[in-house]
C-alpha atoms as a PDB file:
ATOM      1  CA  MET A   1     -59.437 -16.379   0.957  1.00  0.00           C
ATOM      2  CA  HIS A   2     -60.634 -13.947   2.713  1.00  0.00           C
ATOM      3  CA  PRO A   3     -58.518 -10.780   3.606  1.00  0.00           C
ATOM      4  CA  ILE A   4     -58.546 -11.301   7.753  1.00  0.00           C
ATOM      5  CA  SER A   5     -57.884 -15.048   7.126  1.00  0.00           C
ATOM      6  CA  LEU A   6     -54.394 -13.964   4.523  1.00  0.00           C
ATOM      7  CA  TRP A   7     -53.658 -11.387   7.140  1.00  0.00           C
ATOM      8  CA  ASP A   8     -53.518 -14.090   9.918  1.00  0.00           C
ATOM      9  CA  LEU A   9     -51.335 -16.454   8.019  1.00  0.00           C
ATOM     10  CA  LEU A  10     -49.178 -14.112   6.741  1.00  0.00           C
ATOM     11  CA  LYS A  11     -48.529 -12.777  10.266  1.00  0.00           C
ATOM     12  CA  GLN A  12     -47.543 -16.732  11.761  1.00  0.00           C
ATOM     13  CA  ILE A  13     -45.501 -16.414   9.053  1.00  0.00           C
ATOM     14  CA  LEU A  14     -43.506 -13.767   9.882  1.00  0.00           C
ATOM     15  CA  SER A  15     -43.552 -14.592  13.689  1.00  0.00           C
ATOM     16  CA  SER A  16     -42.456 -17.558  13.166  1.00  0.00           C
ATOM     17  CA  TRP A  17     -38.647 -18.563  14.673  1.00  0.00           C
ATOM     18  CA  GLN A  18     -37.336 -19.772  11.438  1.00  0.00           C
ATOM     19  CA  VAL A  19     -38.172 -17.173   9.503  1.00  0.00           C
ATOM     20  CA  ILE A  20     -36.572 -14.422  11.985  1.00  0.00           C
ATOM     21  CA  ALA A  21     -33.414 -17.092  12.086  1.00  0.00           C
ATOM     22  CA  ILE A  22     -33.025 -16.778   8.558  1.00  0.00           C
ATOM     23  CA  THR A  23     -33.694 -13.232   8.057  1.00  0.00           C
ATOM     24  CA  ILE A  24     -30.738 -12.287  11.047  1.00  0.00           C
ATOM     25  CA  ALA A  25     -28.320 -14.928   9.071  1.00  0.00           C
ATOM     26  CA  ILE A  26     -29.088 -13.212   5.850  1.00  0.00           C
ATOM     27  CA  ALA A  27     -28.286  -9.985   7.348  1.00  0.00           C
ATOM     28  CA  ILE A  28     -25.240 -10.594   9.078  1.00  0.00           C
ATOM     29  CA  TYR A  29     -23.657 -12.415   5.851  1.00  0.00           C
ATOM     30  CA  ILE A  30     -24.464  -9.248   3.855  1.00  0.00           C
ATOM     31  CA  SER A  31     -22.893  -7.244   6.509  1.00  0.00           C
ATOM     32  CA  ILE A  32     -20.097  -9.267   6.486  1.00  0.00           C
ATOM     33  CA  VAL A  33     -19.508  -9.439   2.165  1.00  0.00           C
ATOM     34  CA  SER A  34     -20.086  -5.880   1.963  1.00  0.00           C
ATOM     35  CA  TYR A  35     -17.411  -4.879   4.651  1.00  0.00           C
ATOM     36  CA  VAL A  36     -14.905  -7.059   2.432  1.00  0.00           C
ATOM     37  CA  ALA A  37     -15.774  -5.696  -0.767  1.00  0.00           C
ATOM     38  CA  ARG A  38     -15.473  -1.817   0.437  1.00  0.00           C
ATOM     39  CA  SER A  39     -11.808  -3.309   1.715  1.00  0.00           C
ATOM     40  CA  TYR A  40     -10.242  -4.671  -1.303  1.00  0.00           C
ATOM     41  CA  HIS A  41     -12.293  -2.114  -3.091  1.00  0.00           C
ATOM     42  CA  ARG A  42     -10.658   1.015  -1.222  1.00  0.00           C
ATOM     43  CA  PRO A  43      -7.614   2.833  -2.630  1.00  0.00           C
ATOM     44  CA  ARG A  44      -4.592   2.125  -0.694  1.00  0.00           C
ATOM     45  CA  MET A  45      -2.180   4.440   0.230  1.00  0.00           C
ATOM     46  CA  LYS A  46       1.050   4.934  -1.359  1.00  0.00           C
ATOM     47  CA  LYS A  47       3.806   4.565   1.057  1.00  0.00           C
ATOM     48  CA  VAL A  48       6.265   7.209  -0.076  1.00  0.00           C
ATOM     49  CA  LYS A  49       9.949   5.850  -0.381  1.00  0.00           C
ATOM     50  CA  SER A  50      12.669   7.472   0.281  1.00  0.00           C
ATOM     51  CA  PHE A  51      15.327   7.273  -1.915  1.00  0.00           C
ATOM     52  CA  LYS A  52      18.926   6.769  -0.657  1.00  0.00           C
ATOM     53  CA  LYS A  53      21.286   8.749  -2.898  1.00  0.00           C
ATOM     54  CA  LYS A  54      24.378   5.629  -3.387  1.00  0.00           C
ATOM     55  CA  LYS A  55      27.662   7.155  -2.878  1.00  0.00           C
ATOM     56  CA  ALA A  56      29.489   7.243  -6.123  1.00  0.00           C
ATOM     57  CA  GLU A  57      31.871   4.124  -6.686  1.00  0.00           C
ATOM     58  CA  PRO A  58      34.880   4.965  -8.910  1.00  0.00           C
ATOM     59  CA  THR A  59      35.055   3.643 -12.109  1.00  0.00           C
ATOM     60  CA  ALA A  60      37.894   2.903 -14.686  1.00  0.00           C
ATOM     61  CA  ALA A  61      37.576   5.723 -16.106  1.00  0.00           C
ATOM     62  CA  THR A  62      38.800   7.912 -13.434  1.00  0.00           C
ATOM     63  CA  PRO A  63      41.934   6.466 -12.196  1.00  0.00           C
ATOM     64  CA  GLU A  64      42.279   7.467  -8.548  1.00  0.00           C
ATOM     65  CA  VAL A  65      44.760   9.887  -7.749  1.00  0.00           C
ATOM     66  CA  SER A  66      47.011  10.232  -4.901  1.00  0.00           C
ATOM     67  CA  GLU A  67      48.673  13.180  -3.464  1.00  0.00           C
ATOM     68  CA  GLU A  68      52.184  13.114  -4.243  1.00  0.00           C
ATOM     69  CA  ASP A  69      51.042  12.857  -7.813  1.00  0.00           C
ATOM     70  CA  SER A  70      48.438  15.721  -7.133  1.00  0.00           C
ATOM     71  CA  ALA A  71      50.715  17.730  -5.467  1.00  0.00           C
ATOM     72  CA  MET A  72      53.324  17.211  -8.632  1.00  0.00           C
ATOM     73  CA  ASP A  73      50.842  18.015 -11.034  1.00  0.00           C
ATOM     74  CA  SER A  74      50.009  21.095  -9.501  1.00  0.00           C
ATOM     75  CA  ASN A  75      53.717  22.574  -9.721  1.00  0.00           C
ATOM     76  CA  ASP A  76      54.189  21.399 -12.851  1.00  0.00           C
ATOM     77  CA  GLU A  77      51.265  23.278 -14.477  1.00  0.00           C
ATOM     78  CA  LEU A  78      52.462  26.211 -12.453  1.00  0.00           C
ATOM     79  CA  GLY A  79      55.863  25.836 -13.634  1.00  0.00           C
ATOM     80  CA  LEU A  80      56.966  25.896 -10.252  1.00  0.00           C
ATOM     81  CA  GLU A  81      59.781  23.921  -8.519  1.00  0.00           C
ATOM     82  CA  GLU A  82      59.811  22.204  -5.459  1.00  0.00           C
ATOM     83  CA  ALA A  83      62.225  23.551  -3.281  1.00  0.00           C
END
């Protein structure tokens, strides 16, 4: 085969609609695959969670003190009598 006839054959092959369509289809496929790979490969942004402080719940170890008891306790500690 002469180089001129080889060049003409190559020109006909590359300009056929089947080769052009397959080339475009492969380019689109590679583009989609690379987009999906980039979106899954990227490190995701960590959301900062705001921690709410829980209210201290009364436990069994700390008994609740009523106002009358606390008033009497403070008077007893000071050695004062009620009038």
